[in-house]
């Protein structure tokens, strides 16, 4: 009996000793992790999260078959971001895109009414500034390139959003089996397009041809917009009234793709003072020829000037 008692006391002492070692080791581990965290804070810079993976596609189907693929592709290392639209169906479609932005520094949004989790509160990129890439709120830290460039692409699956540039995550301008987008042409603002339209109509009315009505430069712009296609950026009213949409200027034929609405999004080099987040939400809407009214019914609007563009399609 005495031996059993001694054995129990010995076991209890061993257990206490082992528990002490476990607690001691755990405390040492916590101290080490705390030290590492302090070092990380001291060495690290402000945390940046750039999110260009936001996108939404509305496909409004009419009496004919229509489908569309949004290519919204980004390479974070190079800053290349290509946004363009492919007609994946068998009939002509008409497309428009809106680019909504959000930015916050130290969890404080640049726009008081904007919410990072509600993209319907993000701010539409507008085109009534010095350049089409410029915008009032966010471009102190990020700059866009919108040159209407051409590139090759591999046909996508209808309804999907492609978010990688090339098979290896890099821009691949000649992918295997690829074909070219629409030819390169610079985007123009809607007010410029309407001015050229007025010139062309007045000149045609007196049957003297376009050459006399426009400068050589304007003639090139006009022919590009009405023949090959370019992006027309609606600067004629506020985003609330349907401005801020970019329209592809002609019908997008089956199997064809627009040129690039955006070529790149890069940092300006100015560093925010604390952690920050920047995101772009790409909204694509595509309709068949009989369904332009759905652009108004979808919760957005068409400006009166965009109605003139649409009337020319009809």
Protein backbone atom coordinates (compact mmCIF):
# COMPACT_ATOMS: atom_id res chain seq x y z
CA UNK A 1 0.00 0.00 0.00
CA UNK A 2 2.84 2.33 0.86
CA UNK A 3 4.42 1.69 -2.56
CA UNK A 4 1.17 2.58 -4.31
CA UNK A 5 0.96 5.85 -2.36
CA UNK A 6 4.57 6.74 -3.22
CA UNK A 7 3.96 5.99 -6.89
CA UNK A 8 0.88 8.28 -6.99
CA UNK A 9 2.84 11.11 -5.36
CA UNK A 10 5.65 10.63 -7.87
CA UNK A 11 3.17 10.68 -10.81
CA UNK A 12 1.53 13.89 -9.52
CA UNK A 13 4.93 15.58 -9.25
CA UNK A 14 5.84 14.55 -12.81
CA UNK A 15 2.51 15.89 -14.09
CA UNK A 16 3.03 19.24 -12.35
CA UNK A 17 6.57 19.43 -13.71
CA UNK A 18 5.41 18.68 -17.27
CA UNK A 19 2.56 21.21 -17.04
CA UNK A 20 5.02 23.82 -15.88
CA UNK A 21 7.27 23.05 -18.87
CA UNK A 22 4.30 23.31 -21.29
CA UNK A 23 3.22 26.66 -19.86
CA UNK A 24 6.79 27.91 -19.88
CA UNK A 25 7.30 26.85 -23.51
CA UNK A 26 3.96 28.37 -24.50
CA UNK A 27 4.87 31.66 -22.84
CA UNK A 28 8.23 31.67 -24.61
CA UNK A 29 6.47 31.05 -27.94
CA UNK A 30 4.02 33.90 -27.34
CA UNK A 31 6.88 36.22 -26.45
CA UNK A 32 8.71 35.23 -29.63
CA UNK A 33 5.62 35.82 -31.78
CA UNK A 34 5.03 39.18 -30.11
CA UNK A 35 8.60 40.18 -30.82
CA UNK A 36 8.21 39.17 -34.46
CA UNK A 37 4.99 41.20 -34.72
CA UNK A 38 6.74 44.27 -33.29
CA UNK A 39 9.58 43.85 -35.79
CA UNK A 40 7.07 43.47 -38.64
CA UNK A 41 5.34 46.69 -37.62
CA UNK A 42 8.64 48.52 -37.37
CA UNK A 43 9.99 47.24 -40.70
CA UNK A 44 6.80 47.06 -42.82
CA UNK A 45 5.21 49.90 -44.77
CA UNK A 46 1.54 50.75 -45.21
CA UNK A 47 -0.57 47.82 -46.35
CA UNK A 48 -2.04 48.26 -49.83
CA UNK A 49 -4.81 46.22 -51.33
CA UNK A 50 -5.58 46.86 -54.98
CA UNK A 51 -8.66 44.99 -56.17
CA UNK A 52 -9.33 44.97 -59.89
CA UNK A 53 -11.29 41.74 -59.85
CA UNK A 54 -14.67 43.41 -59.53
CA UNK A 55 -16.95 43.12 -62.54
CA UNK A 56 -20.53 42.53 -63.50
CA UNK A 57 -22.11 41.66 -66.82
CA UNK A 58 -25.72 42.31 -67.78
CA UNK A 59 -26.78 40.55 -70.95
CA UNK A 60 -30.18 41.70 -72.18
CA UNK A 61 -31.42 39.18 -74.71
CA UNK A 62 -33.88 40.24 -77.39
CA UNK A 63 -35.64 38.32 -80.11
CA UNK A 64 -32.34 36.97 -81.48
CA UNK A 65 -29.55 34.99 -79.87
CA UNK A 66 -26.95 37.19 -78.14
CA UNK A 67 -24.09 36.54 -75.81
CA UNK A 68 -21.08 38.47 -74.59
CA UNK A 69 -17.78 37.91 -72.79
CA UNK A 70 -16.11 40.56 -70.66
CA UNK A 71 -12.31 40.48 -70.66
CA UNK A 72 -11.19 42.28 -67.50
CA UNK A 73 -7.57 41.20 -67.18
CA UNK A 74 -4.90 42.47 -64.81
CA UNK A 75 -1.23 41.81 -64.14
CA UNK A 76 -0.33 43.35 -60.78
CA UNK A 77 3.42 43.18 -61.38
CA UNK A 78 3.38 45.24 -64.56
CA UNK A 79 0.26 47.35 -64.02
CA UNK A 80 -1.23 46.11 -67.28
CA UNK A 81 -5.02 46.01 -67.07
CA UNK A 82 -6.92 45.26 -70.27
CA UNK A 83 -10.67 45.80 -70.43
CA UNK A 84 -12.48 44.89 -73.63
CA UNK A 85 -15.63 43.12 -74.79
CA UNK A 86 -16.08 40.10 -77.05
CA UNK A 87 -19.28 39.16 -78.87
CA UNK A 88 -19.56 35.45 -78.15
CA UNK A 89 -22.96 35.00 -79.80
CA UNK A 90 -24.21 34.76 -83.37
CA UNK A 91 -25.85 38.17 -83.78
CA UNK A 92 -24.69 41.80 -83.56
CA UNK A 93 -24.86 43.41 -80.13
CA UNK A 94 -24.36 46.89 -78.70
CA UNK A 95 -22.29 47.35 -75.56
CA UNK A 96 -21.51 49.94 -72.95
CA UNK A 97 -19.23 49.91 -69.88
CA UNK A 98 -19.10 51.97 -66.70
CA UNK A 99 -16.06 52.04 -64.45
CA UNK A 100 -16.81 52.66 -60.78
CA UNK A 101 -14.02 53.37 -58.30
CA UNK A 102 -13.55 53.13 -54.56
CA UNK A 103 -10.61 54.12 -52.37
CA UNK A 104 -10.04 54.32 -48.65
CA UNK A 105 -7.07 55.20 -46.47
CA UNK A 106 -6.91 53.95 -42.89
CA UNK A 107 -10.45 52.50 -43.33
CA UNK A 108 -11.84 55.95 -44.20
CA UNK A 109 -13.52 56.21 -47.59
CA UNK A 110 -12.69 59.15 -49.88
CA UNK A 111 -16.44 59.54 -50.41
CA UNK A 112 -18.51 59.67 -47.22
CA UNK A 113 -21.49 57.88 -48.75
CA UNK A 114 -19.43 55.04 -50.29
CA UNK A 115 -19.26 51.59 -48.73
CA UNK A 116 -16.54 49.11 -49.62
CA UNK A 117 -19.05 46.24 -49.49
CA UNK A 118 -21.72 47.96 -51.63
CA UNK A 119 -20.50 48.57 -55.14
CA UNK A 120 -23.68 50.46 -55.99
CA UNK A 121 -22.27 53.24 -53.77
CA UNK A 122 -18.91 53.43 -55.56
CA UNK A 123 -18.10 56.50 -57.66
CA UNK A 124 -18.45 56.35 -61.48
CA UNK A 125 -15.38 57.44 -63.41
CA UNK A 126 -16.40 60.53 -65.37
CA UNK A 127 -14.96 62.11 -68.51
CA UNK A 128 -15.49 65.84 -67.98
CA UNK A 129 -11.94 66.54 -66.81
CA UNK A 130 -8.74 67.62 -68.57
CA UNK A 131 -8.09 64.11 -69.90
CA UNK A 132 -10.33 61.04 -70.10
CA UNK A 133 -7.99 59.23 -67.68
CA UNK A 134 -8.29 61.95 -65.04
CA UNK A 135 -10.98 61.94 -62.37
CA UNK A 136 -11.63 64.16 -59.40
CA UNK A 137 -11.29 61.79 -56.47
CA UNK A 138 -8.79 58.94 -56.89
CA UNK A 139 -6.16 59.65 -59.50
CA UNK A 140 -3.75 61.34 -57.15
CA UNK A 141 -2.61 57.80 -56.33
CA UNK A 142 -3.50 55.76 -59.43
CA UNK A 143 -3.31 56.68 -63.10
CA UNK A 144 -5.07 55.04 -66.04
CA UNK A 145 -4.09 54.63 -69.66
CA UNK A 146 -7.01 54.66 -72.11
CA UNK A 147 -5.53 54.67 -75.62
CA UNK A 148 -7.88 52.30 -77.42
CA UNK A 149 -5.05 49.90 -78.23
CA UNK A 150 -5.40 46.72 -80.26
CA UNK A 151 -4.22 43.29 -79.05
CA UNK A 152 -4.74 39.63 -79.80
CA UNK A 153 -7.02 37.52 -77.66
CA UNK A 154 -8.22 33.97 -77.26
CA UNK A 155 -11.98 33.55 -77.53
CA UNK A 156 -13.64 33.20 -74.16
CA UNK A 157 -16.59 31.28 -72.79
CA UNK A 158 -19.80 33.34 -72.93
CA UNK A 159 -20.82 34.89 -69.64
CA UNK A 160 -17.46 34.41 -67.94
CA UNK A 161 -15.14 37.19 -66.85
CA UNK A 162 -11.50 36.65 -67.75
CA UNK A 163 -9.21 38.07 -65.10
CA UNK A 164 -5.72 36.92 -66.15
CA UNK A 165 -3.48 38.36 -68.81
CA UNK A 166 -2.32 35.46 -70.94
CA UNK A 167 -1.79 31.86 -69.88
CA UNK A 168 1.01 32.73 -67.46
CA UNK A 169 -0.56 35.81 -65.90
CA UNK A 170 1.34 38.18 -68.20
CA UNK A 171 0.17 40.14 -71.20
CA UNK A 172 0.44 37.95 -74.26
CA UNK A 173 -0.07 40.04 -77.37
CA UNK A 174 0.10 37.03 -79.70
CA UNK A 175 -1.49 34.10 -77.89
CA UNK A 176 -1.63 30.78 -79.70
CA UNK A 177 -4.82 30.55 -81.71
CA UNK A 178 -5.64 34.16 -80.93
CA UNK A 179 -7.13 36.80 -83.17
CA UNK A 180 -7.01 40.59 -83.07
CA UNK A 181 -9.46 42.90 -81.38
CA UNK A 182 -10.79 45.89 -83.28
CA UNK A 183 -8.11 48.15 -84.72
CA UNK A 184 -6.51 50.73 -82.47
CA UNK A 185 -8.43 53.98 -82.18
CA UNK A 186 -8.42 56.57 -79.43
CA UNK A 187 -11.59 56.98 -77.36
CA UNK A 188 -13.48 60.22 -77.95
CA UNK A 189 -15.86 62.04 -75.66
CA UNK A 190 -19.55 62.13 -76.56
CA UNK A 191 -19.66 65.91 -77.02
CA UNK A 192 -16.86 65.65 -79.61
CA UNK A 193 -18.70 62.85 -81.40
CA UNK A 194 -21.92 64.89 -81.55
CA UNK A 195 -20.05 67.93 -82.88
CA UNK A 196 -18.57 65.81 -85.68
CA UNK A 197 -21.97 64.31 -86.37
CA UNK A 198 -23.44 67.79 -86.79
CA UNK A 199 -20.62 68.74 -89.16
CA UNK A 200 -21.07 65.63 -91.26
CA UNK A 201 -24.83 66.05 -91.53
CA UNK A 202 -24.69 69.72 -92.45
CA UNK A 203 -22.08 69.04 -95.09
CA UNK A 204 -23.91 66.07 -96.53
CA UNK A 205 -27.06 68.19 -96.72
CA UNK A 206 -25.38 70.44 -99.27
CA UNK A 207 -23.78 67.44 -100.97
CA UNK A 208 -20.18 68.62 -100.84
CA UNK A 209 -18.68 65.62 -99.07
CA UNK A 210 -17.00 65.20 -95.72
CA UNK A 211 -13.58 66.48 -96.76
CA UNK A 212 -14.72 70.07 -96.93
CA UNK A 213 -16.70 69.87 -93.69
CA UNK A 214 -13.98 68.56 -91.42
CA UNK A 215 -10.28 68.89 -90.88
CA UNK A 216 -8.20 65.92 -91.92
CA UNK A 217 -7.75 64.97 -88.26
CA UNK A 218 -11.47 65.18 -87.54
CA UNK A 219 -12.24 63.16 -90.64
CA UNK A 220 -10.01 60.34 -89.41
CA UNK A 221 -11.73 60.41 -86.01
CA UNK A 222 -15.17 60.42 -87.60
CA UNK A 223 -14.44 57.55 -89.97
CA UNK A 224 -12.95 55.53 -87.12
CA UNK A 225 -16.02 56.08 -84.95
CA UNK A 226 -18.51 55.21 -87.67
CA UNK A 227 -16.66 52.45 -89.55
CA UNK A 228 -14.16 50.50 -87.46
CA UNK A 229 -15.48 51.44 -84.04
CA UNK A 230 -14.08 53.29 -81.03
CA UNK A 231 -15.14 53.98 -77.46
CA UNK A 232 -17.39 57.02 -77.03
CA UNK A 233 -17.22 58.35 -73.47
CA UNK A 234 -20.38 60.12 -72.33
CA UNK A 235 -19.33 63.41 -70.77
CA UNK A 236 -22.62 65.18 -71.45
CA UNK A 237 -24.28 64.85 -68.04
CA UNK A 238 -23.78 63.59 -64.51
CA UNK A 239 -23.48 59.91 -63.70
CA UNK A 240 -26.84 60.14 -61.93
CA UNK A 241 -28.43 61.14 -65.24
CA UNK A 242 -26.72 58.40 -67.23
CA UNK A 243 -23.37 60.00 -67.96
CA UNK A 244 -20.05 58.20 -67.36
CA UNK A 245 -20.90 55.26 -69.65
CA UNK A 246 -18.48 54.30 -72.42
CA UNK A 247 -20.30 53.14 -75.59
CA UNK A 248 -18.75 51.09 -78.37
CA UNK A 249 -19.58 53.29 -81.34
CA UNK A 250 -20.81 50.62 -83.76
CA UNK A 251 -22.53 47.24 -83.61
CA UNK A 252 -20.18 44.56 -82.33
CA UNK A 253 -20.42 41.73 -84.82
CA UNK A 254 -20.44 38.04 -83.90
CA UNK A 255 -16.99 36.74 -83.04
CA UNK A 256 -15.47 40.23 -82.88
CA UNK A 257 -14.10 42.21 -79.95
CA UNK A 258 -13.77 45.89 -79.13
CA UNK A 259 -10.35 47.42 -78.69
CA UNK A 260 -9.13 48.19 -75.17
CA UNK A 261 -11.11 50.63 -73.07
CA UNK A 262 -8.33 50.49 -70.45
CA UNK A 263 -4.70 49.54 -71.19
CA UNK A 264 -3.16 49.91 -67.74
CA UNK A 265 -3.70 51.07 -64.18
CA UNK A 266 -0.53 52.01 -62.31
CA UNK A 267 0.50 53.74 -59.09
CA UNK A 268 1.54 57.37 -59.41
CA UNK A 269 4.30 56.95 -56.84
CA UNK A 270 2.57 59.02 -54.18
CA UNK A 271 2.26 56.98 -50.99
CA UNK A 272 -0.86 57.19 -48.83
CA UNK A 273 -0.19 57.90 -45.17
CA UNK A 274 -1.66 54.63 -43.89
CA UNK A 275 -3.12 51.32 -45.06
CA UNK A 276 -5.26 51.70 -48.14
CA UNK A 277 -7.61 49.90 -50.52
CA UNK A 278 -8.36 50.77 -54.15
CA UNK A 279 -10.85 48.97 -56.38
CA UNK A 280 -12.42 49.27 -59.83
CA UNK A 281 -15.83 47.78 -60.57
CA UNK A 282 -16.33 47.14 -64.30
CA UNK A 283 -20.01 47.15 -65.27
CA UNK A 284 -20.83 45.81 -68.74
CA UNK A 285 -24.26 45.95 -70.35
CA UNK A 286 -24.98 44.40 -73.73
CA UNK A 287 -28.23 44.50 -75.73
CA UNK A 288 -29.58 43.38 -79.04
CA UNK A 289 -30.94 45.98 -81.44
CA UNK A 290 -34.50 45.76 -80.12
CA UNK A 291 -33.66 46.19 -76.43
CA UNK A 292 -32.02 49.58 -75.88
CA UNK A 293 -34.82 50.49 -73.48
CA UNK A 294 -33.51 47.90 -71.03
CA UNK A 295 -30.51 50.14 -70.40
CA UNK A 296 -32.96 52.49 -68.71
CA UNK A 297 -34.91 49.72 -67.02
CA UNK A 298 -31.81 48.19 -65.43
CA UNK A 299 -31.56 50.84 -62.73
CA UNK A 300 -29.30 53.10 -64.78
CA UNK A 301 -30.13 55.78 -67.35
CA UNK A 302 -29.33 56.93 -70.87
CA UNK A 303 -28.51 60.62 -71.35
CA UNK A 304 -30.34 62.56 -74.05
CA UNK A 305 -27.06 62.81 -75.99
CA UNK A 306 -26.51 59.05 -75.83
CA UNK A 307 -30.03 58.70 -77.24
CA UNK A 308 -28.75 60.46 -80.37
CA UNK A 309 -26.00 57.85 -80.73
CA UNK A 310 -28.54 55.07 -80.28
CA UNK A 311 -30.85 56.65 -82.85
CA UNK A 312 -28.00 56.51 -85.39
CA UNK A 313 -27.72 52.76 -84.79
CA UNK A 314 -31.42 52.33 -85.52
